[in-house]
Amino acid sequence: MLKLSVCIGSSCHIKGSRHVVEDLQYLISAHNLQELVELSGTFCMGKCQQGVCVTVDDALSTVSPDTVNAFFEKEVLAKVV
């Protein structure tokens, strides 16, 4: 199972983590990947200046509401399909 963790700390929240989480929930559901992808929230990952921090199996990425679709295609779909 692919594990996604989205920072929901205050800095990432201000940068749009709520929208990133909602978009990822939608994309996981729309592609019927609930059995293959685990989405969770976490607090500060220590990279606050970089934007919304997301880990995919412990590999850190920076995502924004504008880049979440491209991130999903590259970092999630490419690894589970």
Protein backbone atom coordinates (compact mmCIF):
# COMPACT_ATOMS: atom_id res chain seq x y z
CA MET A 1 0.00 0.00 0.00
CA LEU A 2 1.27 3.46 -0.94
CA LYS A 3 1.27 5.81 2.06
CA LEU A 4 0.60 9.52 1.57
CA SER A 5 0.97 11.92 4.48
CA VAL A 6 -0.02 15.57 4.18
CA CYS A 7 1.18 18.16 6.67
CA ILE A 8 -1.77 19.89 8.31
CA GLY A 9 0.30 22.11 10.59
CA SER A 10 -0.40 25.84 10.73
CA SER A 11 2.11 26.92 8.07
CA CYS A 12 0.99 24.28 5.57
CA HIS A 13 -2.65 24.96 6.42
CA ILE A 14 -2.16 28.61 5.45
CA LYS A 15 -0.58 27.45 2.18
CA GLY A 16 -3.57 25.27 1.28
CA SER A 17 -3.13 21.86 2.89
CA ARG A 18 -6.88 21.51 3.40
CA HIS A 19 -7.45 21.86 -0.36
CA VAL A 20 -4.58 19.45 -1.08
CA VAL A 21 -6.13 16.84 1.25
CA GLU A 22 -9.59 17.29 -0.28
CA ASP A 23 -8.22 17.02 -3.81
CA LEU A 24 -6.20 13.91 -2.96
CA GLN A 25 -9.26 12.31 -1.34
CA TYR A 26 -11.26 13.02 -4.48
CA LEU A 27 -8.54 11.73 -6.83
CA ILE A 28 -8.02 8.54 -4.83
CA SER A 29 -11.75 7.88 -4.90
CA ALA A 30 -12.20 8.83 -8.57
CA HIS A 31 -9.50 6.34 -9.56
CA ASN A 32 -10.82 3.65 -7.18
CA LEU A 33 -7.50 3.46 -5.34
CA GLN A 34 -8.87 3.24 -1.78
CA GLU A 35 -7.39 -0.25 -1.40
CA LEU A 36 -3.98 0.80 -2.75
CA VAL A 37 -3.42 4.26 -1.25
CA GLU A 38 -3.54 5.29 2.40
CA LEU A 39 -3.97 9.04 2.99
CA SER A 40 -3.28 10.56 6.38
CA GLY A 41 -2.50 13.89 7.97
CA THR A 42 0.52 14.75 10.06
CA PHE A 43 1.89 17.79 11.81
CA CYS A 44 5.00 19.79 11.02
CA MET A 45 7.62 18.06 8.89
CA GLY A 46 10.13 20.86 9.42
CA LYS A 47 10.05 22.25 5.86
CA CYS A 48 7.53 25.03 6.48
CA GLN A 49 9.09 27.48 4.03
CA GLN A 50 8.62 25.06 1.10
CA GLY A 51 4.83 24.90 1.03
CA VAL A 52 2.45 22.04 1.72
CA CYS A 53 4.65 19.07 2.57
CA VAL A 54 3.51 15.64 1.40
CA THR A 55 5.36 12.38 1.83
CA VAL A 56 4.90 9.38 -0.43
CA ASP A 57 6.34 6.38 1.38
CA ASP A 58 8.62 8.80 3.30
CA ALA A 59 9.86 10.70 0.20
CA LEU A 60 9.13 14.40 0.74
CA SER A 61 7.47 16.54 -1.92
CA THR A 62 6.07 20.06 -1.93
CA VAL A 63 2.55 20.42 -3.28
CA SER A 64 0.11 23.30 -3.68
CA PRO A 65 -3.57 23.33 -4.59
CA ASP A 66 -2.43 24.28 -8.12
CA THR A 67 0.01 21.36 -8.48
CA VAL A 68 -1.89 18.57 -6.72
CA ASN A 69 -3.19 16.99 -9.96
CA ALA A 70 0.27 16.77 -11.52
CA PHE A 71 1.68 15.48 -8.24
CA PHE A 72 -1.01 12.79 -8.09
CA GLU A 73 -0.31 11.62 -11.63
CA LYS A 74 3.46 11.49 -11.14
CA GLU A 75 3.80 10.32 -7.55
CA VAL A 76 0.68 8.22 -7.00
CA LEU A 77 -0.83 6.93 -10.25
CA ALA A 78 2.56 6.12 -11.74
CA LYS A 79 3.39 3.97 -8.70
CA VAL A 80 0.15 2.05 -8.24
CA VAL A 81 -1.19 1.44 -11.74
